[in-house]
Amino acid sequence: MAEFPARVLVVDDEPAIVEMLSVSLRFVGYEVDTALTGTDATRAVAAHAPDLVILDVMLPDATGFDLLGKLRSSGPVPVIFLTARDSVEDRVRGLTLGGDDYITKPFSLEEVIARVAAVIRRSRLAQGAVDEADLLSYADLTMDEEGHEVWRQGETIQLSPTEFALLRYLLRNAGRVLSRDQILERVWHYDFSGDSAVVDSYIRHLRRKVDIFDPPLIETVRGIGYSLRLPRHLR
């Protein structure tokens, strides 16, 4: 199911940050509006109805926390707080008030882009704008096959094409024990002369990304292969 381009409003009182984020977001396909103050942000939301707002906590005329309610007066727009304040209290306050995510400065552009994609995806899922037929899910792990995205516990997981194909096969067969030969045949579409080490290597890579969350989902079945399933005590 094709998705329409998302519109992002970037609100920050530092023009250099606004420019950096705007250029990066436009480069990956988003439509971007900008604002340097809370007043301008309120006007931009009313005028353009963005799909997401990146909102600096400290603005010249308001705090992002105080501004959140005004920005949502015409609809439940997702908000990612952006701030140099990294205290636990600030993060908890931002999320408790209804923020969808919280990013501290300095940040990497890759991280911001990944979090923007994850929040917009969750929002569109909630609104029914993503075809659930394209989704594979097990426990708290979800894959969008068409969008080529994976997330767990609200966090986007970046995978290589081969890692994505491997995880897709595991998800399609969640709960089943899959031999290394089965995985070689279905993911790589040919064997490696009986060398199962390639499977073991990619499973290790996949675990470092998928199983950094609790509980672990990729289980080794000794003498056979692997299975995507919850630990025994949670089944």
Protein backbone atom coordinates (compact mmCIF):
# COMPACT_ATOMS: atom_id res chain seq x y z
CA MET A 1 0.00 0.00 0.00
CA ALA A 2 1.65 3.25 -1.10
CA GLU A 3 1.82 6.04 1.43
CA PHE A 4 1.48 9.74 0.82
CA PRO A 5 4.51 11.90 1.70
CA ALA A 6 4.47 12.98 5.33
CA ARG A 7 4.73 16.63 6.37
CA VAL A 8 7.01 17.50 9.30
CA LEU A 9 7.11 20.79 11.21
CA VAL A 10 10.53 21.59 12.73
CA VAL A 11 10.38 24.05 15.65
CA ASP A 12 13.66 25.30 17.15
CA ASP A 13 15.06 28.72 17.99
CA GLU A 14 18.48 27.84 16.52
CA PRO A 15 18.39 28.52 12.74
CA ALA A 16 21.36 26.21 12.11
CA ILE A 17 19.55 23.25 13.66
CA VAL A 18 16.35 24.07 11.78
CA GLU A 19 18.28 24.21 8.50
CA MET A 20 20.18 20.97 9.18
CA LEU A 21 17.04 19.04 10.07
CA SER A 22 15.03 20.51 7.21
CA VAL A 23 17.62 19.62 4.57
CA SER A 24 18.02 16.09 5.91
CA LEU A 25 14.28 15.41 6.17
CA ARG A 26 13.61 16.78 2.69
CA PHE A 27 16.43 14.65 1.31
CA VAL A 28 14.72 11.44 2.49
CA GLY A 29 11.35 12.52 1.09
CA TYR A 30 9.47 14.50 3.75
CA GLU A 31 7.72 17.81 3.19
CA VAL A 32 9.05 20.25 5.79
CA ASP A 33 7.80 23.46 7.38
CA THR A 34 9.77 25.41 9.98
CA ALA A 35 9.24 27.78 12.90
CA LEU A 36 11.60 29.58 15.27
CA THR A 37 9.06 30.50 17.97
CA GLY A 38 6.05 29.03 19.69
CA THR A 39 3.77 31.60 18.06
CA ASP A 40 5.02 30.69 14.59
CA ALA A 41 4.67 27.01 15.40
CA THR A 42 1.01 27.41 16.39
CA ARG A 43 0.31 29.25 13.14
CA ALA A 44 2.15 26.63 11.08
CA VAL A 45 0.18 23.76 12.63
CA ALA A 46 -3.10 25.55 11.88
CA ALA A 47 -2.04 26.36 8.31
CA HIS A 48 -0.34 23.14 7.23
CA ALA A 49 -1.66 20.31 9.49
CA PRO A 50 1.67 18.48 9.78
CA ASP A 51 1.88 14.72 10.32
CA LEU A 52 4.54 15.25 13.00
CA VAL A 53 6.17 18.10 14.93
CA ILE A 54 9.78 18.12 16.09
CA LEU A 55 9.54 20.55 19.00
CA ASP A 56 12.38 22.19 20.91
CA VAL A 57 11.61 22.37 24.62
CA MET A 58 13.20 25.81 25.15
CA LEU A 59 11.77 28.48 22.83
CA PRO A 60 11.98 32.29 23.19
CA ASP A 61 8.27 32.77 23.92
CA ALA A 62 7.21 29.42 25.43
CA THR A 63 8.37 26.01 26.55
CA GLY A 64 7.66 23.06 24.34
CA PHE A 65 5.87 21.43 27.26
CA ASP A 66 3.47 24.37 27.56
CA LEU A 67 3.04 24.58 23.80
CA LEU A 68 2.04 20.94 23.34
CA GLY A 69 -1.63 21.47 24.20
CA LYS A 70 -1.98 24.41 21.79
CA LEU A 71 -0.43 22.46 18.92
CA ARG A 72 -2.93 19.65 19.47
CA SER A 73 -5.98 21.87 19.79
CA SER A 74 -7.06 21.02 16.24
CA GLY A 75 -6.00 17.37 16.23
CA PRO A 76 -3.71 14.75 17.82
CA VAL A 77 -0.51 15.56 15.96
CA PRO A 78 2.48 13.40 17.05
CA VAL A 79 5.29 15.36 18.75
CA ILE A 80 8.97 14.54 19.24
CA PHE A 81 10.60 16.76 21.85
CA LEU A 82 14.10 18.00 20.98
CA THR A 83 16.22 19.51 23.73
CA ALA A 84 19.64 19.97 25.28
CA ARG A 85 18.11 19.17 28.67
CA ASP A 86 18.91 15.53 29.38
CA SER A 87 17.59 15.11 32.90
CA VAL A 88 15.41 12.13 33.69
CA GLU A 89 12.78 14.51 35.09
CA ASP A 90 12.52 16.40 31.80
CA ARG A 91 12.23 13.22 29.76
CA VAL A 92 9.58 11.79 32.05
CA ARG A 93 7.65 15.08 32.00
CA GLY A 94 7.74 15.28 28.22
CA LEU A 95 6.49 11.74 27.74
CA THR A 96 3.94 12.03 30.54
CA LEU A 97 2.45 15.14 28.93
CA GLY A 98 1.87 13.12 25.78
CA GLY A 99 5.06 13.51 23.78
CA ASP A 100 5.67 10.60 21.42
CA ASP A 101 9.46 10.63 21.74
CA TYR A 102 12.29 12.67 23.27
CA ILE A 103 15.67 13.34 21.61
CA THR A 104 18.52 15.14 23.32
CA LYS A 105 21.16 17.36 21.73
CA PRO A 106 23.66 16.66 20.35
CA PHE A 107 22.00 14.07 18.15
CA SER A 108 22.82 12.14 14.99
CA LEU A 109 20.73 12.89 11.92
CA GLU A 110 20.32 9.15 11.32
CA GLU A 111 18.76 8.79 14.77
CA VAL A 112 16.33 11.66 14.20
CA ILE A 113 15.27 10.35 10.79
CA ALA A 114 14.76 6.84 12.19
CA ARG A 115 12.66 8.12 15.09
CA VAL A 116 10.59 10.37 12.83
CA ALA A 117 9.82 7.38 10.60
CA ALA A 118 8.89 5.22 13.60
CA VAL A 119 6.54 7.80 15.14
CA ILE A 120 4.82 8.56 11.83
CA ARG A 121 4.42 4.87 11.16
CA ARG A 122 2.84 4.29 14.58
CA SER A 123 0.53 7.26 14.03
CA ARG A 124 -0.61 6.02 10.63
CA LEU A 125 -1.17 2.52 12.02
CA ALA A 126 -3.36 4.01 14.73
CA GLN A 127 -5.32 5.93 12.08
CA GLY A 128 -5.65 2.88 9.83
CA ALA A 129 -3.56 4.48 7.07
CA VAL A 130 -1.23 1.46 6.77
CA ASP A 131 -2.53 -1.82 5.38
CA GLU A 132 -2.27 -4.37 8.18
CA ALA A 133 -1.97 -7.09 5.54
CA ASP A 134 1.58 -5.84 4.99
CA LEU A 135 2.49 -6.39 8.65
CA LEU A 136 4.06 -9.41 10.32
CA SER A 137 3.99 -9.42 14.11
CA TYR A 138 5.07 -11.60 16.98
CA ALA A 139 5.04 -10.49 20.62
CA ASP A 140 6.25 -6.85 20.50
CA LEU A 141 8.13 -7.27 17.22
CA THR A 142 6.52 -5.90 14.03
CA MET A 143 7.66 -5.89 10.41
CA ASP A 144 6.17 -3.87 7.56
CA GLU A 145 7.06 -5.98 4.54
CA GLU A 146 6.18 -3.37 1.92
CA GLY A 147 7.69 -0.43 3.78
CA HIS A 148 10.78 -2.50 4.64
CA GLU A 149 10.65 -1.39 8.27
CA VAL A 150 11.01 -3.25 11.55
CA TRP A 151 10.35 -1.99 15.05
CA ARG A 152 10.18 -3.37 18.55
CA GLN A 153 8.84 -1.64 21.64
CA GLY A 154 8.37 1.50 19.55
CA GLU A 155 12.00 1.61 18.38
CA THR A 156 12.92 1.28 14.71
CA ILE A 157 15.46 -1.47 14.00
CA GLN A 158 17.80 -0.90 11.07
CA LEU A 159 18.49 -4.12 9.14
CA SER A 160 20.49 -5.02 6.05
CA PRO A 161 18.55 -6.64 3.18
CA THR A 162 19.77 -10.11 4.18
CA GLU A 163 18.97 -9.55 7.85
CA PHE A 164 15.51 -8.34 6.83
CA ALA A 165 14.92 -11.46 4.71
CA LEU A 166 16.10 -13.71 7.55
CA LEU A 167 13.86 -12.04 10.11
CA ARG A 168 10.92 -12.15 7.70
CA TYR A 169 11.33 -15.92 7.35
CA LEU A 170 11.50 -16.32 11.12
CA LEU A 171 8.40 -14.15 11.59
CA ARG A 172 6.44 -16.05 8.96
CA ASN A 173 7.24 -19.22 10.87
CA ALA A 174 7.07 -17.87 14.42
CA GLY A 175 6.88 -20.67 16.98
CA ARG A 176 8.28 -23.29 14.59
CA VAL A 177 11.77 -24.77 14.83
CA LEU A 178 13.64 -24.15 11.56
CA SER A 179 16.72 -26.10 10.56
CA ARG A 180 19.80 -24.38 9.22
CA ASP A 181 19.23 -26.11 5.87
CA GLN A 182 15.68 -24.75 5.70
CA ILE A 183 16.92 -21.25 6.43
CA LEU A 184 19.68 -21.50 3.81
CA GLU A 185 17.21 -22.66 1.19
CA ARG A 186 14.45 -20.15 1.92
CA VAL A 187 16.53 -17.04 2.68
CA TRP A 188 19.52 -17.50 0.39
CA HIS A 189 17.69 -19.72 -2.15
CA TYR A 190 20.65 -22.03 -2.45
CA ASP A 191 22.95 -23.85 -0.08
CA PHE A 192 26.54 -23.15 0.86
CA SER A 193 27.77 -26.74 0.33
CA GLY A 194 26.50 -27.67 3.75
CA ASP A 195 28.23 -24.75 5.45
CA SER A 196 25.74 -23.65 8.11
CA ALA A 197 28.16 -21.09 9.53
CA VAL A 198 26.60 -18.37 7.35
CA VAL A 199 23.26 -18.88 9.13
CA ASP A 200 24.89 -18.80 12.56
CA SER A 201 26.74 -15.62 11.63
CA TYR A 202 23.62 -13.79 10.48
CA ILE A 203 21.64 -14.97 13.48
CA ARG A 204 24.30 -13.41 15.71
CA HIS A 205 24.02 -10.12 13.81
CA LEU A 206 20.22 -10.25 14.04
CA ARG A 207 20.25 -10.93 17.78
CA ARG A 208 22.42 -7.86 18.38
CA LYS A 209 19.62 -5.77 16.91
CA VAL A 210 16.38 -7.58 17.78
CA ASP A 211 17.26 -9.11 21.14
CA ILE A 212 18.70 -6.03 22.81
CA PHE A 213 15.14 -5.76 24.14
CA ASP A 214 13.59 -8.04 26.75
CA PRO A 215 12.49 -10.73 26.44
CA PRO A 216 14.83 -12.34 23.85
CA LEU A 217 12.91 -13.85 20.95
CA ILE A 218 15.46 -15.76 18.82
CA GLU A 219 16.06 -19.15 20.38
CA THR A 220 18.79 -21.64 19.49
CA VAL A 221 17.50 -25.21 19.32
CA ARG A 222 20.54 -27.39 19.84
CA GLY A 223 21.34 -29.79 17.04
CA ILE A 224 18.58 -28.41 14.80
CA GLY A 225 18.52 -24.67 14.20
CA TYR A 226 16.54 -21.69 15.41
CA SER A 227 13.06 -20.54 16.37
CA LEU A 228 11.43 -17.15 16.87
CA ARG A 229 9.44 -17.61 20.08
CA LEU A 230 9.08 -16.33 23.60
CA PRO A 231 11.16 -17.91 26.37
CA ARG A 232 9.54 -21.05 27.77
CA HIS A 233 8.40 -19.39 31.01
CA LEU A 234 6.42 -16.77 29.03
CA ARG A 235 4.66 -19.10 26.60
